[in-house]
Protein backbone atom coordinates (compact mmCIF):
# COMPACT_ATOMS: atom_id res chain seq x y z
CA UNK A 1 5.37 -65.52 26.03
CA UNK A 2 1.58 -66.80 25.38
CA UNK A 3 -1.17 -64.14 25.85
CA UNK A 4 -4.63 -63.84 24.54
CA UNK A 5 -5.87 -61.43 22.00
CA UNK A 6 -9.00 -60.04 21.08
CA UNK A 7 -10.39 -59.71 17.52
CA UNK A 8 -12.31 -56.81 17.58
CA UNK A 9 -14.27 -57.42 14.10
CA UNK A 10 -15.57 -60.49 15.87
CA UNK A 11 -16.55 -58.78 19.07
CA UNK A 12 -20.14 -58.38 19.98
CA UNK A 13 -19.89 -55.97 22.50
CA UNK A 14 -21.14 -58.11 25.09
CA UNK A 15 -23.20 -56.39 28.31
CA UNK A 16 -21.91 -59.25 30.24
CA UNK A 17 -18.84 -60.50 28.65
CA UNK A 18 -18.36 -63.88 29.89
CA UNK A 19 -14.38 -63.88 29.03
CA UNK A 20 -14.08 -61.55 32.04
CA UNK A 21 -15.78 -63.49 34.85
CA UNK A 22 -13.76 -66.54 33.44
CA UNK A 23 -10.51 -64.54 33.98
CA UNK A 24 -8.67 -65.62 36.94
CA UNK A 25 -6.03 -63.09 36.97
CA UNK A 26 -8.41 -60.64 35.72
CA UNK A 27 -6.17 -60.27 32.73
CA UNK A 28 -9.81 -59.47 30.82
CA UNK A 29 -11.28 -56.27 31.73
CA UNK A 30 -14.43 -54.06 30.37
CA UNK A 31 -14.06 -50.55 30.83
CA UNK A 32 -16.73 -49.18 29.09
CA UNK A 33 -20.21 -51.58 28.51
CA UNK A 34 -20.63 -49.82 25.33
CA UNK A 35 -16.78 -50.97 24.25
CA UNK A 36 -15.11 -53.89 23.55
CA UNK A 37 -13.34 -55.80 26.38
CA UNK A 38 -9.22 -55.50 26.29
CA UNK A 39 -6.43 -57.76 27.81
CA UNK A 40 -4.39 -56.62 30.10
CA UNK A 41 -0.94 -58.34 28.99
CA UNK A 42 0.99 -57.42 32.25
CA UNK A 43 -1.54 -59.88 33.70
CA UNK A 44 -2.49 -62.77 30.76
CA UNK A 45 -0.88 -65.77 31.27
CA UNK A 46 -1.71 -67.58 28.32
CA UNK A 47 -4.42 -70.08 30.12
CA UNK A 48 -6.94 -70.06 27.47
CA UNK A 49 -9.89 -70.06 30.06
CA UNK A 50 -10.83 -66.80 27.95
CA UNK A 51 -10.92 -68.20 24.72
CA UNK A 52 -13.52 -71.12 26.05
CA UNK A 53 -15.78 -68.64 27.70
CA UNK A 54 -16.09 -66.00 24.31
CA UNK A 55 -19.58 -66.59 22.88
CA UNK A 56 -18.39 -65.46 19.84
CA UNK A 57 -15.14 -66.63 19.32
CA UNK A 58 -13.17 -63.07 19.42
CA UNK A 59 -10.24 -64.56 21.68
CA UNK A 60 -7.25 -66.26 20.54
CA UNK A 61 -3.80 -67.28 22.11
CA UNK A 62 -0.83 -66.01 20.50
CA UNK A 63 2.53 -66.19 21.41
CA UNK A 64 4.59 -62.91 21.43
């Protein structure tokens, strides 16, 4: 299984998270504007669109 994961040390907690907007399965979620985005692993297909969309390189793909 391949999924995305967020490196919270790199995440800049953007008001308008580009990774959220790029995710076709809506696996990248942002509940509170003052917190990092999160990945719903049940929805993530590991396509990598969010990796390309994240301005700060805070998202990577990993195999679990």
